[in-house]
């Protein structure tokens, strides 16, 4: 039978400390993430949306059973921002509805299917115009990193006021483009019937939550 060797107490303490010391240089060499949620990194100016990393997600409830998700990408637009006066910020974005995607090819095709025999399309139709959102007011939050951004959303030929609850998520320099970049997350709620998208009501929910993630680069 193998006899266990009892280590001295001083060695028991020394071994973990030695391992930590050996790992410290490796940790120190790990690169830092370029963006941080640090307001002091934000500089005043006009920024342009990064379409490759700006998305609007949406969801609807299907027959009361579960929620289904879809996505708009390639969001473009501009943000004018002065961290010393956030209430004066202006944002204008364009959302290409024609590029909507879901996880199912048939459902995506239905969203873009033209109306039959001159009738209105069930959803957006074959060649939908881009949706746009243009801010009309910005109400900064007391926490210094959030804001209620109210603006005009134009979708499916209808314009309605919508409020986006936005939160600052990071700022820094993009290592590839070398551009100063700021990022935000946002949430909003719309009723699709307000925009004449009424197919399937009430079996497919009228209220549609929007989840927004957007990055702006300073040019």
Protein backbone atom coordinates (compact mmCIF):
# COMPACT_ATOMS: atom_id res chain seq x y z
CA UNK A 1 0.00 0.00 0.00
CA UNK A 2 1.37 3.40 -1.03
CA UNK A 3 2.14 5.66 1.90
CA UNK A 4 0.99 9.28 1.56
CA UNK A 5 3.72 11.85 2.11
CA UNK A 6 2.67 14.72 4.36
CA UNK A 7 4.00 18.05 3.11
CA UNK A 8 5.33 20.60 5.56
CA UNK A 9 2.99 23.54 6.21
CA UNK A 10 5.46 26.02 4.76
CA UNK A 11 5.56 24.07 1.49
CA UNK A 12 1.76 23.91 1.34
CA UNK A 13 1.67 27.71 1.40
CA UNK A 14 4.66 28.19 -0.91
CA UNK A 15 3.38 26.00 -3.78
CA UNK A 16 0.13 27.94 -4.49
CA UNK A 17 2.03 31.24 -4.23
CA UNK A 18 4.60 29.95 -6.73
CA UNK A 19 1.86 28.93 -9.16
CA UNK A 20 0.20 32.36 -8.89
CA UNK A 21 3.53 34.08 -9.47
CA UNK A 22 4.19 31.91 -12.56
CA UNK A 23 0.76 32.74 -14.02
CA UNK A 24 1.00 36.49 -13.39
CA UNK A 25 3.15 37.28 -16.49
CA UNK A 26 0.68 35.35 -18.69
CA UNK A 27 -2.26 37.37 -17.33
CA UNK A 28 -0.35 40.61 -17.78
CA UNK A 29 0.24 39.78 -21.47
CA UNK A 30 -3.48 39.28 -22.26
CA UNK A 31 -4.73 42.11 -24.52
CA UNK A 32 -7.39 44.52 -23.26
CA UNK A 33 -10.77 44.85 -24.91
CA UNK A 34 -10.63 48.14 -26.88
CA UNK A 35 -14.09 49.33 -25.81
CA UNK A 36 -15.06 50.15 -22.23
CA UNK A 37 -18.18 51.58 -20.60
CA UNK A 38 -16.26 54.72 -19.66
CA UNK A 39 -17.95 58.05 -20.49
CA UNK A 40 -14.65 59.91 -20.36
CA UNK A 41 -13.65 58.13 -23.59
CA UNK A 42 -16.47 59.75 -25.59
CA UNK A 43 -15.53 62.79 -27.67
CA UNK A 44 -17.89 65.30 -29.25
CA UNK A 45 -18.63 65.12 -32.96
CA UNK A 46 -20.61 63.35 -35.65
CA UNK A 47 -20.45 59.58 -35.85
CA UNK A 48 -21.57 57.18 -38.59
CA UNK A 49 -23.29 53.87 -37.87
CA UNK A 50 -21.24 50.72 -38.46
CA UNK A 51 -23.69 48.64 -40.59
CA UNK A 52 -21.81 45.39 -40.03
CA UNK A 53 -22.32 45.60 -36.27
CA UNK A 54 -25.67 47.39 -35.92
CA UNK A 55 -28.83 45.32 -35.60
CA UNK A 56 -32.51 45.59 -34.68
CA UNK A 57 -34.04 42.41 -33.31
CA UNK A 58 -37.81 41.90 -33.04
CA UNK A 59 -40.11 39.28 -31.60
CA UNK A 60 -43.77 38.31 -31.83
CA UNK A 61 -45.82 35.80 -29.92
CA UNK A 62 -47.10 32.92 -32.08
CA UNK A 63 -50.60 31.63 -31.26
CA UNK A 64 -49.97 32.17 -27.55
CA UNK A 65 -47.55 29.23 -27.57
CA UNK A 66 -44.14 30.88 -27.73
CA UNK A 67 -42.18 33.84 -29.06
CA UNK A 68 -40.56 33.99 -32.49
CA UNK A 69 -37.59 36.18 -33.39
CA UNK A 70 -36.40 38.06 -36.45
CA UNK A 71 -33.70 40.52 -37.34
CA UNK A 72 -32.99 43.65 -39.35
CA UNK A 73 -29.32 44.29 -40.13
CA UNK A 74 -27.18 46.71 -42.13
CA UNK A 75 -28.44 49.67 -40.12
CA UNK A 76 -26.95 52.95 -41.36
CA UNK A 77 -27.16 56.54 -40.15
CA UNK A 78 -25.52 59.24 -38.06
CA UNK A 79 -25.21 60.33 -34.44
CA UNK A 80 -24.23 63.83 -33.39
CA UNK A 81 -23.11 63.79 -29.78
CA UNK A 82 -21.55 66.11 -27.21
CA UNK A 83 -20.90 64.39 -23.86
CA UNK A 84 -21.08 67.81 -22.17
CA UNK A 85 -24.65 68.26 -23.45
CA UNK A 86 -26.25 64.84 -24.06
CA UNK A 87 -29.76 66.33 -24.34
CA UNK A 88 -28.68 67.99 -27.59
CA UNK A 89 -27.76 64.68 -29.24
CA UNK A 90 -29.29 63.88 -32.62
CA UNK A 91 -29.66 60.46 -34.21
CA UNK A 92 -30.96 59.48 -37.63
CA UNK A 93 -30.88 55.87 -38.84
CA UNK A 94 -32.10 53.85 -41.80
CA UNK A 95 -33.19 50.20 -41.49
CA UNK A 96 -33.41 48.13 -44.71
CA UNK A 97 -36.67 46.20 -44.28
CA UNK A 98 -35.98 44.32 -47.51
CA UNK A 99 -33.10 42.53 -45.75
CA UNK A 100 -35.23 41.14 -42.89
CA UNK A 101 -34.28 37.61 -41.87
CA UNK A 102 -35.70 34.86 -39.68
CA UNK A 103 -34.51 31.36 -38.88
CA UNK A 104 -36.97 29.89 -41.41
CA UNK A 105 -36.72 30.54 -45.16
CA UNK A 106 -40.47 30.13 -45.65
CA UNK A 107 -41.33 32.68 -42.98
CA UNK A 108 -38.78 35.14 -44.32
CA UNK A 109 -40.26 34.76 -47.80
CA UNK A 110 -43.77 35.37 -46.40
CA UNK A 111 -42.66 38.66 -44.85
CA UNK A 112 -41.56 39.83 -48.31
CA UNK A 113 -44.33 38.22 -50.34
CA UNK A 114 -46.32 40.58 -52.58
CA UNK A 115 -50.07 40.86 -52.21
CA UNK A 116 -52.19 38.57 -54.38
CA UNK A 117 -54.13 40.06 -57.32
CA UNK A 118 -53.54 43.67 -56.39
CA UNK A 119 -54.30 43.19 -52.70
CA UNK A 120 -52.10 44.53 -49.94
CA UNK A 121 -49.22 42.34 -48.82
CA UNK A 122 -49.63 40.36 -45.61
CA UNK A 123 -46.52 41.97 -44.15
CA UNK A 124 -43.97 44.17 -45.98
CA UNK A 125 -44.31 43.12 -49.62
CA UNK A 126 -41.74 42.41 -52.30
CA UNK A 127 -39.93 45.76 -52.37
CA UNK A 128 -40.46 47.49 -49.02
CA UNK A 129 -39.03 50.95 -48.43
CA UNK A 130 -36.36 51.34 -45.78
CA UNK A 131 -37.63 52.16 -42.31
CA UNK A 132 -36.22 55.31 -40.72
CA UNK A 133 -35.94 56.67 -37.20
CA UNK A 134 -35.18 60.36 -36.65
CA UNK A 135 -34.86 61.66 -33.10
CA UNK A 136 -36.92 64.64 -31.95
CA UNK A 137 -35.80 64.79 -28.30
CA UNK A 138 -33.32 63.18 -25.92
CA UNK A 139 -33.95 62.93 -22.17
CA UNK A 140 -30.75 61.83 -20.37
CA UNK A 141 -31.16 59.50 -17.39
CA UNK A 142 -30.01 60.42 -13.89
CA UNK A 143 -27.46 57.57 -14.00
CA UNK A 144 -25.44 59.40 -16.65
CA UNK A 145 -25.35 56.45 -19.07
CA UNK A 146 -28.95 56.09 -20.25
CA UNK A 147 -31.41 58.22 -22.18
CA UNK A 148 -34.96 58.12 -23.49
CA UNK A 149 -34.70 58.96 -27.18
CA UNK A 150 -38.03 59.94 -28.73
CA UNK A 151 -38.31 60.19 -32.48
CA UNK A 152 -40.36 59.54 -35.59
CA UNK A 153 -40.34 55.96 -36.85
CA UNK A 154 -41.42 55.57 -40.46
CA UNK A 155 -42.29 51.98 -41.34
CA UNK A 156 -44.46 50.56 -44.10
CA UNK A 157 -45.40 54.07 -45.21
CA UNK A 158 -46.61 55.19 -41.78
CA UNK A 159 -44.86 57.58 -39.38
CA UNK A 160 -45.44 57.32 -35.61
CA UNK A 161 -43.58 58.60 -32.54
CA UNK A 162 -41.54 55.93 -30.76
CA UNK A 163 -39.31 56.12 -27.68
CA UNK A 164 -36.10 54.11 -27.50
CA UNK A 165 -34.65 53.52 -24.03
CA UNK A 166 -30.94 53.55 -24.77
CA UNK A 167 -27.93 52.69 -22.61
CA UNK A 168 -24.30 53.58 -23.34
CA UNK A 169 -22.35 50.31 -23.60
CA UNK A 170 -18.82 51.22 -24.59
CA UNK A 171 -16.33 53.61 -26.19
CA UNK A 172 -12.81 53.39 -27.49
CA UNK A 173 -10.82 53.00 -30.69
CA UNK A 174 -11.69 50.27 -33.18
CA UNK A 175 -8.40 48.37 -33.68
CA UNK A 176 -9.15 47.66 -37.35
CA UNK A 177 -10.55 50.98 -38.60
CA UNK A 178 -8.63 53.11 -36.05
CA UNK A 179 -11.83 55.13 -35.62
CA UNK A 180 -13.19 56.42 -32.32
CA UNK A 181 -16.26 54.30 -31.66
CA UNK A 182 -19.23 54.47 -29.30
CA UNK A 183 -21.82 51.75 -28.75
CA UNK A 184 -25.33 51.61 -27.36
CA UNK A 185 -28.04 49.09 -26.55
CA UNK A 186 -31.69 50.07 -26.77
CA UNK A 187 -35.21 48.77 -26.26
CA UNK A 188 -38.53 49.95 -27.67
CA UNK A 189 -42.07 48.66 -28.12
CA UNK A 190 -44.27 49.21 -31.16
CA UNK A 191 -47.69 47.97 -32.27
CA UNK A 192 -47.45 46.59 -35.78
CA UNK A 193 -51.08 47.46 -36.48
CA UNK A 194 -50.10 51.14 -36.09
CA UNK A 195 -47.97 50.61 -39.20
CA UNK A 196 -50.65 48.74 -41.18
CA UNK A 197 -49.08 45.32 -40.60
CA UNK A 198 -52.18 43.49 -39.42
CA UNK A 199 -51.88 39.97 -40.81
CA UNK A 200 -52.64 37.22 -38.29
CA UNK A 201 -54.01 39.43 -35.52
CA UNK A 202 -54.61 38.49 -32.75
CA UNK A 203 -53.03 35.04 -33.24
CA UNK A 204 -49.68 36.67 -33.92
CA UNK A 205 -49.19 39.42 -31.36
CA UNK A 206 -49.71 43.08 -32.14
CA UNK A 207 -47.10 44.37 -29.70
CA UNK A 208 -43.56 43.90 -31.00
CA UNK A 209 -40.56 44.44 -28.68
CA UNK A 210 -37.47 45.79 -30.41
CA UNK A 211 -33.94 45.08 -29.17
CA UNK A 212 -31.31 47.36 -30.64
CA UNK A 213 -27.54 47.14 -30.65
CA UNK A 214 -25.63 49.79 -32.57
CA UNK A 215 -22.09 51.06 -32.96
CA UNK A 216 -21.12 54.47 -34.33
CA UNK A 217 -17.69 55.37 -35.68
CA UNK A 218 -16.27 58.87 -35.83
CA UNK A 219 -15.07 59.70 -39.33
